[in-house]
Amino acid sequence: MYEAKLVLQKRSGILQEPSRAAIRMTKLMAPSRPATASPLRYHKQNGRVFVSDRQKLTERSRLSSILLGNEHWDLFHGIPKGFTLRTRVRIKLETSHVGYAWDMFQTLVSLVACAVCVVQSYHDEFVVPSMDLSFGVIFAADYCLRFYCAKNRLWFPFTFSAIIDVLAVAPTIYDYVTNDSTGQRPTFAFLRFVRILRIMKAIQMSRHSSANHFTGTQLLSLGLLVTSIVFISACLFQLVENSYRAPILSDTGAWINNNVTLGDSFYFILVTISTVGYGDIAPATTFGKVVTCAMILGSLVMLPQEVNRLVALLAMQSPFRKTYIPDPNLPHVLLLGHVASASVLLDFFTEFYHPDRIVCGPNGAASINNIPCIIMAPVEPSEEVRALLVNPLFQ
């Protein structure tokens, strides 16, 4: 029910009550009353005030900050909710502390697996199937996670990282099935040395750095590549030599297996890569010679490429863009203005470092002016300015 209010109209100076038609038109033309916003309700708990229950649930937690990188127990904190779950998982792995910790964990497990492989080559009693199965499960979990959040799942199995993960998991699966079906010692275990390539995942951790340390990343890549080549070549050389070497006849008439240890294989590979070899250890089988030739060719192809990339990155870094760290006990002078002219700088330096200028040293004694000058320029120095900077008179 509408309440008809008296609308006073001024007609010929006489205030009259409006007619029913006017009242009816006023009802039709009057805008609807806006809905009144409900006032905010505040909740108080433990001395803290919350506007809503949602804010009340997002209390800050130090443990969440350590584990998830945020204080609200939100795994995908800061990632838009409109993204798909696969996209949010990929962003989390590539940009968060959780992804950095996962890459670090995978790298450490790979190093431990390689160390266990080396120990098992000398001591058969350290061959524990459950330990190898644990390594395989961890590697398989990383492969499944990367496959789930990959941008192109059809192309992902053919990437270098995916192939290495498959080769790292395949021996565990094959050996587990072989042990259960035949009970014999596994024969597919030689591919375990490929797990050393999984340490290349350490390069992925550089993307979590706040600054772009391209030179450090390239140095890490070069070091990991050399380590992988040496380790894989040594393990493969030991495998083929011990598999195809014929036993030798001793002085007592007994046949002795002329096996090569993993240490001897490492020594042979390092000597072969760095020099032409000493000849004290040499391949005795055809397959060993093939492995040696493949190792040399691979080193000649891959190592120069990485070295050239490192040299190119070093050439891109200018020595004039470094930060000057002053000595608190030694003052310095800033040069601003027209500093692009070598003649102007020469006149200034000649006058500033004149032998007649005596300054007070740190201990109060008089000494020759050796105060360093810091040139602030918007562009790289010219060849004339660079020649002036390396002049022995101003060093």
Protein backbone atom coordinates (compact mmCIF):
# COMPACT_ATOMS: atom_id res chain seq x y z
CA MET A 1 0.00 0.00 0.00
CA TYR A 2 1.35 3.37 -1.01
CA GLU A 3 0.76 6.32 1.27
CA ALA A 4 -0.53 9.22 -0.79
CA LYS A 5 1.24 12.31 0.39
CA LEU A 6 -0.29 15.71 -0.02
CA VAL A 7 1.47 17.48 -2.84
CA LEU A 8 0.90 21.19 -2.62
CA GLN A 9 0.60 22.84 -5.97
CA LYS A 10 0.68 26.50 -6.52
CA ARG A 11 -2.05 27.55 -8.87
CA SER A 12 -2.88 31.23 -9.14
CA GLY A 13 -1.37 31.75 -5.73
CA ILE A 14 -3.73 29.22 -4.10
CA LEU A 15 -2.39 26.00 -2.53
CA GLN A 16 -4.66 23.15 -3.55
CA GLU A 17 -4.74 19.44 -2.77
CA PRO A 18 -3.83 17.37 -5.83
CA SER A 19 -6.44 15.27 -7.53
CA ARG A 20 -6.58 11.47 -7.51
CA ALA A 21 -5.17 11.34 -11.03
CA ALA A 22 -2.17 13.39 -9.98
CA ILE A 23 -1.58 11.11 -7.01
CA ARG A 24 -1.83 8.06 -9.28
CA MET A 25 0.72 9.55 -11.72
CA THR A 26 3.06 10.35 -8.84
CA LYS A 27 2.99 6.66 -7.81
CA LEU A 28 3.85 5.50 -11.33
CA MET A 29 6.67 7.99 -11.93
CA ALA A 30 8.27 7.80 -8.50
CA PRO A 31 11.49 5.76 -8.56
CA SER A 32 11.70 2.66 -6.47
CA ARG A 33 13.45 2.97 -3.17
CA PRO A 34 17.03 1.66 -3.26
CA ALA A 35 17.78 -1.35 -1.12
CA THR A 36 19.53 -0.38 2.03
CA ALA A 37 22.96 -2.02 2.34
CA SER A 38 23.27 -4.16 5.39
CA PRO A 39 25.81 -2.79 7.84
CA LEU A 40 29.14 -4.58 8.31
CA ARG A 41 29.16 -7.03 11.13
CA TYR A 42 32.34 -7.20 13.12
CA HIS A 43 33.52 -10.28 14.97
CA LYS A 44 35.99 -10.19 17.80
CA GLN A 45 38.10 -13.14 18.83
CA ASN A 46 41.26 -13.25 20.94
CA GLY A 47 41.60 -9.50 20.82
CA ARG A 48 41.41 -9.35 16.99
CA VAL A 49 38.57 -7.87 14.95
CA PHE A 50 37.35 -9.57 11.75
CA VAL A 51 34.91 -8.14 9.22
CA SER A 52 33.65 -11.54 8.04
CA ASP A 53 34.04 -15.24 8.64
CA ARG A 54 36.18 -15.52 5.50
CA GLN A 55 38.68 -13.05 6.88
CA LYS A 56 38.49 -14.84 10.18
CA LEU A 57 39.60 -18.09 8.55
CA THR A 58 42.65 -16.55 6.84
CA GLU A 59 44.76 -16.10 9.92
CA ARG A 60 48.47 -15.72 9.42
CA SER A 61 50.65 -18.71 10.14
CA ARG A 62 54.42 -18.84 10.32
CA LEU A 63 54.41 -22.56 9.49
CA SER A 64 52.42 -21.86 6.32
CA SER A 65 54.93 -19.17 5.37
CA ILE A 66 57.76 -21.71 5.66
CA LEU A 67 56.02 -24.57 3.85
CA LEU A 68 53.92 -22.79 1.22
CA GLY A 69 55.54 -19.37 0.93
CA ASN A 70 52.45 -17.52 2.21
CA GLU A 71 50.77 -17.03 5.58
CA HIS A 72 47.26 -18.14 4.67
CA TRP A 73 47.59 -21.92 4.06
CA ASP A 74 46.79 -21.36 0.40
CA LEU A 75 48.82 -23.53 -1.95
CA PHE A 76 48.04 -21.32 -4.96
CA HIS A 77 48.21 -17.97 -3.18
CA GLY A 78 48.71 -15.09 -5.63
CA ILE A 79 47.70 -17.14 -8.71
CA PRO A 80 44.40 -16.08 -10.34
CA LYS A 81 41.54 -18.45 -9.63
CA GLY A 82 40.43 -18.28 -13.27
CA PHE A 83 43.38 -20.39 -14.39
CA THR A 84 42.96 -24.13 -14.71
CA LEU A 85 44.38 -26.39 -12.04
CA ARG A 86 47.08 -27.63 -14.42
CA THR A 87 48.18 -24.06 -15.19
CA ARG A 88 48.25 -23.13 -11.51
CA VAL A 89 50.35 -26.20 -10.71
CA ARG A 90 52.81 -25.31 -13.48
CA ILE A 91 53.09 -21.70 -12.26
CA LYS A 92 53.59 -22.94 -8.71
CA LEU A 93 56.41 -25.25 -9.76
CA GLU A 94 58.16 -22.60 -11.85
CA THR A 95 57.90 -19.51 -9.65
CA SER A 96 57.43 -20.48 -5.99
CA HIS A 97 59.56 -21.72 -3.13
CA VAL A 98 57.64 -25.00 -3.28
CA GLY A 99 58.86 -25.61 -6.83
CA TYR A 100 62.41 -24.68 -5.80
CA ALA A 101 62.27 -27.14 -2.92
CA TRP A 102 60.92 -29.86 -5.24
CA ASP A 103 63.75 -29.32 -7.75
CA MET A 104 66.29 -29.34 -4.93
CA PHE A 105 64.83 -32.58 -3.57
CA GLN A 106 64.96 -34.26 -6.98
CA THR A 107 68.57 -33.17 -7.49
CA LEU A 108 69.66 -34.49 -4.10
CA VAL A 109 67.88 -37.81 -4.66
CA SER A 110 69.62 -38.15 -8.03
CA LEU A 111 73.01 -37.53 -6.43
CA VAL A 112 72.29 -40.08 -3.70
CA ALA A 113 71.16 -42.63 -6.30
CA CYS A 114 74.38 -42.15 -8.27
CA ALA A 115 76.47 -42.48 -5.10
CA VAL A 116 74.65 -45.69 -4.21
CA CYS A 117 75.30 -46.99 -7.72
CA VAL A 118 79.04 -46.37 -7.29
CA VAL A 119 79.12 -48.12 -3.91
CA GLN A 120 77.16 -51.09 -5.26
CA SER A 121 79.71 -51.55 -8.04
CA TYR A 122 82.31 -52.43 -5.37
CA HIS A 123 80.12 -54.14 -2.76
CA ASP A 124 77.29 -56.44 -3.79
CA GLU A 125 75.93 -56.57 -0.25
CA PHE A 126 74.74 -52.96 -0.60
CA VAL A 127 72.30 -53.94 -3.34
CA VAL A 128 68.96 -53.31 -1.60
CA PRO A 129 65.89 -53.70 -3.85
CA SER A 130 63.68 -51.59 -1.58
CA MET A 131 66.09 -48.64 -1.80
CA ASP A 132 66.17 -48.80 -5.57
CA LEU A 133 62.38 -49.07 -5.62
CA SER A 134 62.15 -45.90 -3.52
CA PHE A 135 64.33 -44.04 -6.00
CA GLY A 136 62.16 -45.25 -8.85
CA VAL A 137 58.96 -44.11 -7.13
CA ILE A 138 60.40 -40.63 -6.53
CA PHE A 139 61.54 -40.30 -10.14
CA ALA A 140 58.19 -41.59 -11.41
CA ALA A 141 56.32 -39.06 -9.23
CA ASP A 142 58.34 -36.22 -10.75
CA TYR A 143 57.65 -37.51 -14.26
CA CYS A 144 53.90 -37.76 -13.63
CA LEU A 145 53.81 -34.28 -12.12
CA ARG A 146 55.68 -32.75 -15.05
CA PHE A 147 53.50 -34.62 -17.52
CA TYR A 148 50.32 -33.41 -15.82
CA CYS A 149 51.23 -29.71 -15.90
CA ALA A 150 53.00 -29.74 -19.29
CA LYS A 151 51.75 -27.27 -21.87
CA ASN A 152 51.88 -29.87 -24.65
CA ARG A 153 51.41 -33.40 -23.35
CA LEU A 154 51.91 -34.93 -26.78
CA TRP A 155 55.37 -33.42 -27.15
CA PHE A 156 56.44 -33.78 -23.51
CA PRO A 157 57.44 -37.52 -23.65
CA PHE A 158 59.98 -36.64 -26.37
CA THR A 159 61.74 -33.91 -24.42
CA PHE A 160 65.22 -34.45 -22.99
CA SER A 161 64.05 -34.30 -19.37
CA ALA A 162 61.21 -36.77 -19.94
CA ILE A 163 63.46 -39.28 -21.73
CA ILE A 164 66.00 -39.14 -18.89
CA ASP A 165 63.23 -39.72 -16.34
CA VAL A 166 61.96 -42.74 -18.27
CA LEU A 167 65.46 -44.21 -18.51
CA ALA A 168 65.93 -43.63 -14.78
CA VAL A 169 62.69 -45.41 -13.88
CA ALA A 170 62.85 -48.22 -16.46
CA PRO A 171 65.58 -50.28 -14.68
CA THR A 172 63.62 -50.27 -11.44
CA ILE A 173 60.42 -51.47 -13.12
CA TYR A 174 62.20 -54.11 -15.17
CA ASP A 175 64.22 -55.42 -12.24
CA TYR A 176 61.18 -55.52 -9.98
CA VAL A 177 59.22 -57.54 -12.53
CA THR A 178 62.21 -59.81 -13.23
CA ASN A 179 62.78 -60.56 -9.55
CA ASP A 180 59.13 -61.41 -9.00
CA SER A 181 58.82 -63.65 -12.06
CA THR A 182 62.15 -65.45 -12.24
CA GLY A 183 63.88 -64.71 -8.96
CA GLN A 184 67.15 -64.16 -10.85
CA ARG A 185 69.53 -61.27 -10.48
CA PRO A 186 68.41 -58.35 -12.66
CA THR A 187 70.16 -57.89 -15.97
CA PHE A 188 68.78 -54.44 -16.88
CA ALA A 189 70.51 -52.57 -14.06
CA PHE A 190 73.23 -51.06 -16.24
CA LEU A 191 70.95 -48.13 -17.19
CA ARG A 192 71.10 -46.83 -13.64
CA PHE A 193 74.12 -44.71 -14.46
CA VAL A 194 71.86 -42.58 -16.70
CA ARG A 195 70.40 -41.13 -13.49
CA ILE A 196 73.40 -38.82 -13.30
CA LEU A 197 71.75 -36.78 -16.05
CA ARG A 198 68.93 -35.93 -13.67
CA ILE A 199 71.27 -33.58 -11.85
CA MET A 200 70.79 -31.30 -14.85
CA LYS A 201 67.55 -30.36 -13.10
CA ALA A 202 69.71 -28.17 -10.89
CA ILE A 203 69.73 -25.69 -13.78
CA GLN A 204 65.97 -25.31 -13.34
CA MET A 205 66.55 -23.89 -9.86
CA SER A 206 68.18 -20.80 -11.36
CA ARG A 207 64.78 -19.55 -12.56
CA HIS A 208 63.76 -18.99 -8.93
CA SER A 209 66.54 -16.46 -8.45
CA SER A 210 65.52 -12.83 -8.01
CA ALA A 211 68.23 -11.70 -10.42
CA ASN A 212 69.20 -13.09 -13.80
CA HIS A 213 72.61 -14.67 -13.20
CA PHE A 214 73.11 -15.95 -16.72
CA THR A 215 76.85 -16.43 -16.32
CA GLY A 216 76.47 -18.48 -13.15
CA THR A 217 73.78 -20.59 -14.79
CA GLN A 218 76.01 -21.26 -17.79
CA LEU A 219 78.92 -22.20 -15.53
CA LEU A 220 76.65 -24.61 -13.68
CA SER A 221 75.45 -26.08 -16.96
CA LEU A 222 79.02 -26.56 -18.18
CA GLY A 223 80.10 -28.21 -14.93
CA LEU A 224 77.12 -30.55 -14.87
CA LEU A 225 77.68 -31.46 -18.52
CA VAL A 226 81.31 -32.40 -17.90
CA THR A 227 80.32 -34.41 -14.82
CA SER A 228 77.62 -36.25 -16.75
CA ILE A 229 79.93 -37.07 -19.65
CA VAL A 230 82.66 -38.41 -17.36
CA PHE A 231 80.29 -40.43 -15.17
CA ILE A 232 78.28 -41.98 -18.01
CA SER A 233 81.37 -42.75 -20.08
CA ALA A 234 83.13 -44.35 -17.11
CA CYS A 235 80.14 -46.52 -16.19
CA LEU A 236 79.53 -47.55 -19.78
CA PHE A 237 83.22 -48.31 -20.32
CA GLN A 238 83.30 -50.51 -17.21
CA LEU A 239 80.13 -52.29 -18.31
CA VAL A 240 81.29 -53.23 -21.81
CA GLU A 241 84.83 -54.08 -20.74
CA ASN A 242 83.75 -56.40 -17.93
CA SER A 243 81.09 -58.01 -20.12
CA TYR A 244 83.29 -58.85 -23.11
CA ARG A 245 86.82 -59.13 -21.70
CA ALA A 246 88.25 -62.63 -21.85
CA PRO A 247 89.75 -64.06 -18.65
CA ILE A 248 93.53 -64.32 -18.44
CA LEU A 249 95.59 -67.35 -17.50
CA SER A 250 97.70 -66.91 -14.38
CA ASP A 251 101.08 -68.47 -13.66
CA THR A 252 99.39 -71.12 -11.55
CA GLY A 253 97.25 -72.19 -14.47
CA ALA A 254 94.03 -70.69 -13.12
CA TRP A 255 91.78 -68.40 -15.17
CA ILE A 256 91.35 -64.94 -13.63
CA ASN A 257 88.73 -62.40 -14.61
CA ASN A 258 90.47 -59.26 -15.83
CA ASN A 259 87.74 -56.86 -14.71
CA VAL A 260 88.02 -53.08 -14.67
CA THR A 261 86.95 -51.21 -11.55
CA LEU A 262 84.88 -48.05 -11.66
CA GLY A 263 87.82 -46.05 -10.33
CA ASP A 264 90.02 -47.25 -13.18
CA SER A 265 87.27 -46.32 -15.63
CA PHE A 266 87.06 -42.78 -14.21
CA TYR A 267 90.82 -42.47 -14.43
CA PHE A 268 90.86 -43.67 -18.03
CA ILE A 269 88.08 -41.27 -19.11
CA LEU A 270 89.63 -38.24 -17.41
CA VAL A 271 93.06 -38.96 -18.86
CA THR A 272 91.59 -39.54 -22.31
CA ILE A 273 89.60 -36.29 -22.29
CA SER A 274 92.40 -34.10 -20.94
CA THR A 275 95.37 -35.69 -22.74
CA VAL A 276 96.08 -38.33 -25.32
CA GLY A 277 96.23 -40.98 -22.60
CA TYR A 278 99.10 -42.63 -20.75
CA GLY A 279 98.46 -46.15 -22.00
CA ASP A 280 98.50 -47.81 -18.58
CA ILE A 281 94.74 -48.46 -18.96
CA ALA A 282 93.37 -49.08 -22.43
CA PRO A 283 90.24 -50.69 -23.89
CA ALA A 284 90.77 -54.37 -24.59
CA THR A 285 87.48 -55.03 -26.40
CA THR A 286 85.90 -53.68 -29.55
CA PHE A 287 82.90 -52.30 -27.68
CA GLY A 288 85.23 -50.53 -25.25
CA LYS A 289 86.97 -48.82 -28.16
CA VAL A 290 83.59 -47.78 -29.59
CA VAL A 291 82.59 -46.26 -26.25
CA THR A 292 85.89 -44.38 -26.08
CA CYS A 293 85.48 -42.98 -29.59
CA ALA A 294 81.87 -41.97 -28.88
CA MET A 295 82.96 -40.24 -25.69
CA ILE A 296 85.67 -38.27 -27.49
CA LEU A 297 83.34 -37.23 -30.32
CA GLY A 298 80.61 -36.23 -27.89
CA SER A 299 83.04 -34.14 -25.89
CA LEU A 300 84.34 -32.42 -29.01
CA VAL A 301 80.80 -31.53 -30.08
CA MET A 302 79.07 -30.57 -26.82
CA LEU A 303 81.78 -28.97 -24.71
CA PRO A 304 82.83 -26.29 -27.25
CA GLN A 305 79.20 -25.23 -27.63
CA GLU A 306 78.80 -24.65 -23.90
CA VAL A 307 82.17 -22.89 -23.71
CA ASN A 308 81.20 -20.58 -26.59
CA ARG A 309 77.96 -19.68 -24.82
CA LEU A 310 79.90 -18.89 -21.68
CA VAL A 311 82.36 -16.71 -23.60
CA ALA A 312 79.47 -14.88 -25.28
CA LEU A 313 77.82 -14.19 -21.92
CA LEU A 314 81.09 -12.93 -20.47
CA ALA A 315 81.57 -10.65 -23.47
CA MET A 316 78.11 -9.15 -22.93
CA GLN A 317 78.99 -8.06 -19.41
CA SER A 318 80.50 -4.59 -19.31
CA PRO A 319 83.16 -3.84 -16.67
CA PHE A 320 81.79 -0.29 -16.45
CA ARG A 321 78.39 -1.38 -15.10
CA LYS A 322 79.62 -2.85 -11.86
CA THR A 323 78.70 -1.40 -8.50
CA TYR A 324 81.42 0.58 -6.77
CA ILE A 325 81.85 -0.42 -3.13
CA PRO A 326 83.53 2.46 -1.30
CA ASP A 327 86.00 2.09 1.52
CA PRO A 328 84.80 3.85 4.70
CA ASN A 329 88.38 4.95 5.42
CA LEU A 330 89.05 6.17 1.89
CA PRO A 331 87.05 9.04 0.33
CA HIS A 332 86.19 9.20 -3.35
CA VAL A 333 85.13 11.83 -5.87
CA LEU A 334 82.14 11.63 -8.24
CA LEU A 335 82.60 13.10 -11.71
CA LEU A 336 79.40 14.28 -13.39
CA GLY A 337 78.64 16.38 -16.42
CA HIS A 338 80.61 16.41 -19.67
CA VAL A 339 82.58 13.23 -19.02
CA ALA A 340 82.38 11.74 -22.53
CA SER A 341 85.31 13.83 -23.79
CA ALA A 342 88.76 12.35 -23.21
CA SER A 343 90.42 15.78 -23.42
CA VAL A 344 88.20 17.20 -20.68
CA LEU A 345 88.93 14.23 -18.42
CA LEU A 346 92.64 14.50 -19.16
CA ASP A 347 92.70 18.15 -18.11
CA PHE A 348 90.79 17.36 -14.93
CA PHE A 349 92.96 14.39 -13.97
CA THR A 350 96.16 16.32 -14.71
CA GLU A 351 95.08 19.10 -12.39
CA PHE A 352 93.48 16.86 -9.76
CA TYR A 353 96.44 14.49 -9.43
CA HIS A 354 99.14 17.15 -9.74
CA PRO A 355 102.15 16.37 -7.50
CA ASP A 356 101.83 19.77 -5.83
CA ARG A 357 98.44 18.83 -4.38
CA ILE A 358 99.03 17.52 -0.90
CA VAL A 359 96.12 16.03 1.01
CA CYS A 360 95.69 14.87 4.57
CA GLY A 361 95.94 11.10 4.95
CA PRO A 362 93.82 8.86 7.20
CA ASN A 363 96.35 9.18 10.04
CA GLY A 364 96.56 12.95 9.71
CA ALA A 365 99.90 12.98 7.84
CA ALA A 366 100.35 14.81 4.56
CA SER A 367 100.44 12.61 1.46
CA ILE A 368 100.07 12.76 -2.30
CA ASN A 369 96.53 12.84 -3.66
CA ASN A 370 95.43 9.27 -4.39
CA ILE A 371 91.68 9.79 -4.02
CA PRO A 372 89.84 7.62 -6.59
CA CYS A 373 87.50 9.29 -9.07
CA ILE A 374 84.20 7.64 -9.96
CA ILE A 375 82.89 8.70 -13.36
CA MET A 376 79.09 8.68 -13.71
CA ALA A 377 78.13 8.54 -17.39
CA PRO A 378 74.89 7.56 -19.17
CA VAL A 379 76.69 5.62 -21.94
CA GLU A 380 79.68 3.34 -22.36
CA PRO A 381 83.05 5.15 -22.55
CA SER A 382 84.64 5.71 -25.93
CA GLU A 383 87.94 4.22 -27.02
CA GLU A 384 89.77 7.44 -26.13
CA VAL A 385 88.30 7.45 -22.63
CA ARG A 386 89.15 3.77 -22.14
CA ALA A 387 92.74 4.43 -23.18
CA LEU A 388 92.86 7.26 -20.66
CA LEU A 389 91.52 5.05 -17.87
CA VAL A 390 94.28 2.47 -18.38
CA ASN A 391 97.01 5.11 -18.53
CA PRO A 392 99.71 4.20 -15.96
CA LEU A 393 99.99 7.83 -14.89
CA PHE A 394 96.48 7.73 -13.44
CA GLN A 395 96.52 4.24 -11.95
